[in-house]
Amino acid sequence: MDALTLIRETFAPLSGKRILDIGCGPGTLSKRLSEDGAAVTGIDPGAAALEQARAAVPGARFENASGEALPFPDASFEGAVLLNALHHVPDPAAALVEAARVLVPGGCLVVVEPLASGSFFEALQPIEDETAVRAAAQDAIAAALARGTLACRRDVTVERRESFADLAAFLKRVCTVDPARAAAIEARRPVVEAAFETAAEREADGRYGLVQPLRIHVLEPA
């Protein structure tokens, strides 16, 4: 099981279904869901990311907005996704409330979050230590469940394995997510290189494998 498969299964059948991609970035998930027939709307606070998303998925709608203040009426969507995005939101609790607000009755929210563990996390840590923000995202989900704002339909952890030709390919990957990481890489290059070499598993073809555990919650307004 991988995250995309679980998302597709959760919202199936996707044809015509109104899905909100919260923190859409350059539109990678939006493109996949649009290809499956969903009516996708993506939001992101980054202008450059939205420009890429609009070019990649011309049939989808994209808005410049934050997860804490979605510019949509109540009950606008049948499903919403936060894919590796909740820990980037300054107020993850508010983002969950907003996501629940825009769902129709019976709609659901899929939250996919990287945990602060695994070899990918260890390689990333000297570039950007996300221990605190990843924990805060999990705490926000737990608090929403405890308050009864959301109910949990499914809670699973899967491992995402990525393979890189070399350190340069890994650094390109992490800087695509956040270009500001380039400065940290430059400032701590020897430490970054050592962390990558220690964390990565050398594969039979000479490539470098890194594993990131992802916790996936399928949630619905309670």
C-alpha atoms as a PDB file:
ATOM      1  CA  MET A   1       0.000   0.000   0.000  1.00  0.00           C
ATOM      2  CA  ASP A   2       1.251   3.491  -0.874  1.00  0.00           C
ATOM      3  CA  ALA A   3      -0.241   6.896  -0.155  1.00  0.00           C
ATOM      4  CA  LEU A   4      -1.570   7.529  -3.669  1.00  0.00           C
ATOM      5  CA  THR A   5      -3.313   4.148  -3.779  1.00  0.00           C
ATOM      6  CA  LEU A   6      -4.946   4.777  -0.414  1.00  0.00           C
ATOM      7  CA  ILE A   7      -6.098   8.245  -1.505  1.00  0.00           C
ATOM      8  CA  ARG A   8      -7.599   6.840  -4.685  1.00  0.00           C
ATOM      9  CA  GLU A   9      -9.340   4.032  -2.798  1.00  0.00           C
ATOM     10  CA  THR A  10     -10.741   6.446  -0.226  1.00  0.00           C
ATOM     11  CA  PHE A  11     -12.374   8.700  -2.808  1.00  0.00           C
ATOM     12  CA  ALA A  12     -13.334   6.060  -5.381  1.00  0.00           C
ATOM     13  CA  PRO A  13     -15.039   6.473  -7.745  1.00  0.00           C
ATOM     14  CA  LEU A  14     -13.127   9.669  -8.519  1.00  0.00           C
ATOM     15  CA  SER A  15     -14.948  10.687 -11.690  1.00  0.00           C
ATOM     16  CA  GLY A  16     -16.570  14.080 -11.142  1.00  0.00           C
ATOM     17  CA  LYS A  17     -15.765  14.123  -7.435  1.00  0.00           C
ATOM     18  CA  ARG A  18     -14.857  17.540  -6.000  1.00  0.00           C
ATOM     19  CA  ILE A  19     -11.483  17.171  -4.269  1.00  0.00           C
ATOM     20  CA  LEU A  20      -9.477  19.877  -2.511  1.00  0.00           C
ATOM     21  CA  ASP A  21      -5.679  19.493  -2.561  1.00  0.00           C
ATOM     22  CA  ILE A  22      -4.475  21.537   0.438  1.00  0.00           C
ATOM     23  CA  GLY A  23      -0.830  22.539   0.085  1.00  0.00           C
ATOM     24  CA  CYS A  24      -0.789  21.372  -3.522  1.00  0.00           C
ATOM     25  CA  GLY A  25       2.744  22.561  -4.301  1.00  0.00           C
ATOM     26  CA  PRO A  26       3.582  22.134  -8.003  1.00  0.00           C
ATOM     27  CA  GLY A  27       0.465  20.048  -8.591  1.00  0.00           C
ATOM     28  CA  THR A  28       1.811  16.498  -8.492  1.00  0.00           C
ATOM     29  CA  LEU A  29      -1.164  15.012  -6.644  1.00  0.00           C
ATOM     30  CA  SER A  30      -3.646  17.292  -8.384  1.00  0.00           C
ATOM     31  CA  LYS A  31      -2.435  15.973 -11.722  1.00  0.00           C
ATOM     32  CA  ARG A  32      -2.895  12.338 -10.695  1.00  0.00           C
ATOM     33  CA  LEU A  33      -6.393  12.908  -9.335  1.00  0.00           C
ATOM     34  CA  SER A  34      -7.403  14.991 -12.353  1.00  0.00           C
ATOM     35  CA  GLU A  35      -6.244  12.189 -14.637  1.00  0.00           C
ATOM     36  CA  ASP A  36      -8.587   9.907 -12.682  1.00  0.00           C
ATOM     37  CA  GLY A  37     -11.493  12.231 -13.475  1.00  0.00           C
ATOM     38  CA  ALA A  38     -11.759  14.231 -10.250  1.00  0.00           C
ATOM     39  CA  ALA A  39     -12.703  17.912 -10.261  1.00  0.00           C
ATOM     40  CA  VAL A  40      -9.632  19.164  -8.409  1.00  0.00           C
ATOM     41  CA  THR A  41      -9.048  22.475  -6.675  1.00  0.00           C
ATOM     42  CA  GLY A  42      -5.605  23.127  -5.210  1.00  0.00           C
ATOM     43  CA  ILE A  43      -4.485  25.770  -2.742  1.00  0.00           C
ATOM     44  CA  ASP A  44      -0.978  26.809  -1.770  1.00  0.00           C
ATOM     45  CA  PRO A  45       0.575  29.979  -0.301  1.00  0.00           C
ATOM     46  CA  GLY A  46       3.493  29.845  -2.766  1.00  0.00           C
ATOM     47  CA  ALA A  47       3.100  31.802  -5.996  1.00  0.00           C
ATOM     48  CA  ALA A  48       5.892  29.916  -7.775  1.00  0.00           C
ATOM     49  CA  ALA A  49       4.406  26.545  -6.852  1.00  0.00           C
ATOM     50  CA  LEU A  50       0.980  27.622  -8.098  1.00  0.00           C
ATOM     51  CA  GLU A  51       2.452  28.744 -11.401  1.00  0.00           C
ATOM     52  CA  GLN A  52       3.930  25.274 -11.866  1.00  0.00           C
ATOM     53  CA  ALA A  53       0.656  23.621 -10.832  1.00  0.00           C
ATOM     54  CA  ARG A  54      -1.401  25.637 -13.308  1.00  0.00           C
ATOM     55  CA  ALA A  55       0.994  24.699 -16.102  1.00  0.00           C
ATOM     56  CA  ALA A  56       0.982  21.017 -15.106  1.00  0.00           C
ATOM     57  CA  VAL A  57      -2.782  20.683 -14.588  1.00  0.00           C
ATOM     58  CA  PRO A  58      -4.592  23.205 -16.798  1.00  0.00           C
ATOM     59  CA  GLY A  59      -7.942  21.517 -16.134  1.00  0.00           C
ATOM     60  CA  ALA A  60      -7.786  22.093 -12.375  1.00  0.00           C
ATOM     61  CA  ARG A  61      -8.438  25.241 -10.357  1.00  0.00           C
ATOM     62  CA  PHE A  62      -5.710  26.711  -8.165  1.00  0.00           C
ATOM     63  CA  GLU A  63      -5.946  29.443  -5.546  1.00  0.00           C
ATOM     64  CA  ASN A  64      -3.328  31.295  -3.488  1.00  0.00           C
ATOM     65  CA  ALA A  65      -4.369  30.601   0.090  1.00  0.00           C
ATOM     66  CA  SER A  66      -3.233  29.127   3.384  1.00  0.00           C
ATOM     67  CA  GLY A  67      -4.570  25.985   5.009  1.00  0.00           C
ATOM     68  CA  GLU A  68      -5.798  27.996   8.000  1.00  0.00           C
ATOM     69  CA  ALA A  69      -8.083  30.224   5.873  1.00  0.00           C
ATOM     70  CA  LEU A  70      -9.614  28.360   2.956  1.00  0.00           C
ATOM     71  CA  PRO A  71     -11.414  30.739   0.549  1.00  0.00           C
ATOM     72  CA  PHE A  72     -14.411  28.459   0.013  1.00  0.00           C
ATOM     73  CA  PRO A  73     -17.938  28.224   1.440  1.00  0.00           C
ATOM     74  CA  ASP A  74     -18.935  25.475   3.853  1.00  0.00           C
ATOM     75  CA  ALA A  75     -19.595  22.067   2.284  1.00  0.00           C
ATOM     76  CA  SER A  76     -17.794  22.835  -0.989  1.00  0.00           C
ATOM     77  CA  PHE A  77     -15.970  19.530  -1.462  1.00  0.00           C
ATOM     78  CA  GLU A  78     -16.595  15.822  -1.215  1.00  0.00           C
ATOM     79  CA  GLY A  79     -12.999  15.155  -0.206  1.00  0.00           C
ATOM     80  CA  ALA A  80      -9.815  16.932   0.843  1.00  0.00           C
ATOM     81  CA  VAL A  81      -6.181  15.903   1.064  1.00  0.00           C
ATOM     82  CA  LEU A  82      -3.214  17.196   3.045  1.00  0.00           C
ATOM     83  CA  LEU A  83      -0.311  15.331   1.451  1.00  0.00           C
ATOM     84  CA  ASN A  84       2.943  15.924   3.343  1.00  0.00           C
ATOM     85  CA  ALA A  85       1.631  19.413   4.033  1.00  0.00           C
ATOM     86  CA  LEU A  86       0.153  19.656   7.533  1.00  0.00           C
ATOM     87  CA  HIS A  87       3.530  20.007   9.249  1.00  0.00           C
ATOM     88  CA  HIS A  88       4.305  23.000   7.001  1.00  0.00           C
ATOM     89  CA  VAL A  89       1.202  24.870   8.194  1.00  0.00           C
ATOM     90  CA  PRO A  90       1.979  27.305  11.038  1.00  0.00           C
ATOM     91  CA  ASP A  91      -1.293  26.404  12.821  1.00  0.00           C
ATOM     92  CA  PRO A  92      -2.078  22.760  11.984  1.00  0.00           C
ATOM     93  CA  ALA A  93      -5.069  22.651  14.346  1.00  0.00           C
ATOM     94  CA  ALA A  94      -6.732  25.518  12.478  1.00  0.00           C
ATOM     95  CA  ALA A  95      -6.011  23.826   9.148  1.00  0.00           C
ATOM     96  CA  LEU A  96      -7.856  20.696  10.278  1.00  0.00           C
ATOM     97  CA  VAL A  97     -10.864  22.758  11.386  1.00  0.00           C
ATOM     98  CA  GLU A  98     -10.941  24.518   8.011  1.00  0.00           C
ATOM     99  CA  ALA A  99     -10.628  21.258   6.100  1.00  0.00           C
ATOM    100  CA  ALA A 100     -13.574  19.808   8.022  1.00  0.00           C
ATOM    101  CA  ARG A 101     -15.626  22.956   7.398  1.00  0.00           C
ATOM    102  CA  VAL A 102     -15.418  22.761   3.597  1.00  0.00           C
ATOM    103  CA  LEU A 103     -16.433  19.089   3.428  1.00  0.00           C
ATOM    104  CA  VAL A 104     -19.968  18.008   2.579  1.00  0.00           C
ATOM    105  CA  PRO A 105     -21.721  15.679   5.036  1.00  0.00           C
ATOM    106  CA  GLY A 106     -20.191  12.253   4.513  1.00  0.00           C
ATOM    107  CA  GLY A 107     -17.031  13.729   2.984  1.00  0.00           C
ATOM    108  CA  CYS A 108     -13.601  12.813   4.271  1.00  0.00           C
ATOM    109  CA  LEU A 109     -10.124  14.210   4.732  1.00  0.00           C
ATOM    110  CA  VAL A 110      -6.943  12.238   4.040  1.00  0.00           C
ATOM    111  CA  VAL A 111      -3.887  13.465   5.949  1.00  0.00           C
ATOM    112  CA  VAL A 112      -0.541  11.971   4.922  1.00  0.00           C
ATOM    113  CA  GLU A 113       2.306  13.008   7.214  1.00  0.00           C
ATOM    114  CA  PRO A 114       5.979  11.998   7.414  1.00  0.00           C
ATOM    115  CA  LEU A 115       7.066  10.815  10.840  1.00  0.00           C
ATOM    116  CA  ALA A 116      10.263  11.956  12.550  1.00  0.00           C
ATOM    117  CA  SER A 117      11.969   8.639  11.840  1.00  0.00           C
ATOM    118  CA  GLY A 118      13.457   6.644   8.985  1.00  0.00           C
ATOM    119  CA  SER A 119      16.593   7.023   6.892  1.00  0.00           C
ATOM    120  CA  PHE A 120      15.150   9.823   4.730  1.00  0.00           C
ATOM    121  CA  PHE A 121      14.450  11.849   7.864  1.00  0.00           C
ATOM    122  CA  GLU A 122      17.979  11.178   9.140  1.00  0.00           C
ATOM    123  CA  ALA A 123      19.481  12.398   5.857  1.00  0.00           C
ATOM    124  CA  LEU A 124      17.296  15.500   5.892  1.00  0.00           C
ATOM    125  CA  GLN A 125      17.869  16.381   9.542  1.00  0.00           C
ATOM    126  CA  PRO A 126      21.113  18.392   9.159  1.00  0.00           C
ATOM    127  CA  ILE A 127      19.475  20.387   6.352  1.00  0.00           C
ATOM    128  CA  GLU A 128      16.219  21.004   8.210  1.00  0.00           C
ATOM    129  CA  ASP A 129      15.307  19.330  11.465  1.00  0.00           C
ATOM    130  CA  GLU A 130      11.536  18.805  11.266  1.00  0.00           C
ATOM    131  CA  THR A 131      11.262  16.872  14.534  1.00  0.00           C
ATOM    132  CA  ALA A 132       9.139  19.531  16.262  1.00  0.00           C
ATOM    133  CA  VAL A 133       6.829  20.411  13.354  1.00  0.00           C
ATOM    134  CA  ARG A 134       6.179  16.763  12.495  1.00  0.00           C
ATOM    135  CA  ALA A 135       5.278  16.071  16.124  1.00  0.00           C
ATOM    136  CA  ALA A 136       3.032  19.140  16.183  1.00  0.00           C
ATOM    137  CA  ALA A 137       1.103  17.843  13.171  1.00  0.00           C
ATOM    138  CA  GLN A 138       0.459  14.507  14.897  1.00  0.00           C
ATOM    139  CA  ASP A 139      -0.519  16.311  18.103  1.00  0.00           C
ATOM    140  CA  ALA A 140      -3.027  18.443  16.175  1.00  0.00           C
ATOM    141  CA  ILE A 141      -4.651  15.342  14.688  1.00  0.00           C
ATOM    142  CA  ALA A 142      -4.816  13.660  18.103  1.00  0.00           C
ATOM    143  CA  ALA A 143      -6.336  16.798  19.653  1.00  0.00           C
ATOM    144  CA  ALA A 144      -8.991  17.060  16.925  1.00  0.00           C
ATOM    145  CA  LEU A 145      -9.957  13.439  17.547  1.00  0.00           C
ATOM    146  CA  ALA A 146     -10.045  13.953  21.320  1.00  0.00           C
ATOM    147  CA  ARG A 147     -12.261  17.052  20.974  1.00  0.00           C
ATOM    148  CA  GLY A 148     -14.584  15.248  18.609  1.00  0.00           C
ATOM    149  CA  THR A 149     -14.001  17.708  15.761  1.00  0.00           C
ATOM    150  CA  LEU A 150     -12.984  14.783  13.575  1.00  0.00           C
ATOM    151  CA  ALA A 151     -13.488  11.048  13.693  1.00  0.00           C
ATOM    152  CA  CYS A 152     -10.922   8.547  12.427  1.00  0.00           C
ATOM    153  CA  ARG A 153     -12.000   6.129   9.743  1.00  0.00           C
ATOM    154  CA  ARG A 154      -8.524   4.707   9.133  1.00  0.00           C
ATOM    155  CA  ASP A 155      -5.027   5.072  10.602  1.00  0.00           C
ATOM    156  CA  VAL A 156      -2.145   3.299   8.890  1.00  0.00           C
ATOM    157  CA  THR A 157       1.607   3.739   8.569  1.00  0.00           C
ATOM    158  CA  VAL A 158       3.365   2.905   5.312  1.00  0.00           C
ATOM    159  CA  GLU A 159       6.964   3.228   4.176  1.00  0.00           C
ATOM    160  CA  ARG A 160       7.856   5.368   1.189  1.00  0.00           C
ATOM    161  CA  ARG A 161      11.115   4.250  -0.380  1.00  0.00           C
ATOM    162  CA  GLU A 162      12.964   6.575  -2.715  1.00  0.00           C
ATOM    163  CA  SER A 163      16.067   5.842  -4.749  1.00  0.00           C
ATOM    164  CA  PHE A 164      18.677   8.431  -5.734  1.00  0.00           C
ATOM    165  CA  ALA A 165      21.573   8.229  -8.174  1.00  0.00           C
ATOM    166  CA  ASP A 166      23.768  10.263  -5.837  1.00  0.00           C
ATOM    167  CA  LEU A 167      23.828  12.981  -3.187  1.00  0.00           C
ATOM    168  CA  ALA A 168      23.135  15.662  -5.800  1.00  0.00           C
ATOM    169  CA  ALA A 169      19.868  13.970  -6.761  1.00  0.00           C
ATOM    170  CA  PHE A 170      18.785  13.827  -3.118  1.00  0.00           C
ATOM    171  CA  LEU A 171      19.628  17.490  -2.572  1.00  0.00           C
ATOM    172  CA  LYS A 172      17.682  18.476  -5.687  1.00  0.00           C
ATOM    173  CA  ARG A 173      14.687  16.540  -4.359  1.00  0.00           C
ATOM    174  CA  VAL A 174      14.674  18.239  -0.936  1.00  0.00           C
ATOM    175  CA  CYS A 175      15.248  21.705  -2.403  1.00  0.00           C
ATOM    176  CA  THR A 176      12.323  21.249  -4.781  1.00  0.00           C
ATOM    177  CA  VAL A 177      10.122  21.021  -1.690  1.00  0.00           C
ATOM    178  CA  ASP A 178      11.711  24.138  -0.166  1.00  0.00           C
ATOM    179  CA  PRO A 179      14.305  26.152  -2.158  1.00  0.00           C
ATOM    180  CA  ALA A 180      15.392  27.900   1.071  1.00  0.00           C
ATOM    181  CA  ARG A 181      17.098  24.665   2.088  1.00  0.00           C
ATOM    182  CA  ALA A 182      19.903  25.420  -0.380  1.00  0.00           C
ATOM    183  CA  ALA A 183      21.448  27.908   2.049  1.00  0.00           C
ATOM    184  CA  ALA A 184      21.557  25.330   4.858  1.00  0.00           C
ATOM    185  CA  ILE A 185      23.155  22.799   2.522  1.00  0.00           C
ATOM    186  CA  GLU A 186      25.838  25.277   1.521  1.00  0.00           C
ATOM    187  CA  ALA A 187      26.558  26.225   5.135  1.00  0.00           C
ATOM    188  CA  ARG A 188      26.748  22.616   6.412  1.00  0.00           C
ATOM    189  CA  ARG A 189      27.921  20.703   3.349  1.00  0.00           C
ATOM    190  CA  PRO A 190      30.308  18.251   5.093  1.00  0.00           C
ATOM    191  CA  VAL A 191      27.680  17.355   7.724  1.00  0.00           C
ATOM    192  CA  VAL A 192      25.001  16.960   5.048  1.00  0.00           C
ATOM    193  CA  GLU A 193      27.221  14.676   2.985  1.00  0.00           C
ATOM    194  CA  ALA A 194      28.115  12.538   6.008  1.00  0.00           C
ATOM    195  CA  ALA A 195      24.469  12.195   7.073  1.00  0.00           C
ATOM    196  CA  PHE A 196      23.445  11.071   3.591  1.00  0.00           C
ATOM    197  CA  GLU A 197      26.234   8.515   3.359  1.00  0.00           C
ATOM    198  CA  THR A 198      25.368   7.122   6.805  1.00  0.00           C
ATOM    199  CA  ALA A 199      21.608   6.989   6.332  1.00  0.00           C
ATOM    200  CA  ALA A 200      21.330   5.751   2.748  1.00  0.00           C
ATOM    201  CA  GLU A 201      21.324   2.080   1.901  1.00  0.00           C
ATOM    202  CA  ARG A 202      23.491   1.249  -1.099  1.00  0.00           C
ATOM    203  CA  GLU A 203      21.444  -0.748  -3.583  1.00  0.00           C
ATOM    204  CA  ALA A 204      22.615  -3.476  -5.952  1.00  0.00           C
ATOM    205  CA  ASP A 205      22.645  -1.060  -8.900  1.00  0.00           C
ATOM    206  CA  GLY A 206      24.764   1.457  -6.996  1.00  0.00           C
ATOM    207  CA  ARG A 207      21.920   3.837  -6.233  1.00  0.00           C
ATOM    208  CA  TYR A 208      21.088   5.105  -2.737  1.00  0.00           C
ATOM    209  CA  GLY A 209      17.847   4.104  -1.042  1.00  0.00           C
ATOM    210  CA  LEU A 210      16.129   6.105   1.672  1.00  0.00           C
ATOM    211  CA  VAL A 211      12.967   5.178   3.570  1.00  0.00           C
ATOM    212  CA  GLN A 212      10.415   7.577   5.052  1.00  0.00           C
ATOM    213  CA  PRO A 213       7.576   6.242   7.246  1.00  0.00           C
ATOM    214  CA  LEU A 214       4.288   8.011   6.472  1.00  0.00           C
ATOM    215  CA  ARG A 215       1.310   7.990   8.814  1.00  0.00           C
ATOM    216  CA  ILE A 216      -2.000   8.251   6.981  1.00  0.00           C
ATOM    217  CA  HIS A 217      -5.250   9.245   8.653  1.00  0.00           C
ATOM    218  CA  VAL A 218      -8.591   9.060   6.894  1.00  0.00           C
ATOM    219  CA  LEU A 219     -10.776  11.465   8.862  1.00  0.00           C
ATOM    220  CA  GLU A 220     -14.369  12.666   8.704  1.00  0.00           C
ATOM    221  CA  PRO A 221     -16.200  15.518  10.431  1.00  0.00           C
ATOM    222  CA  ALA A 222     -17.750  14.145  13.606  1.00  0.00           C
END
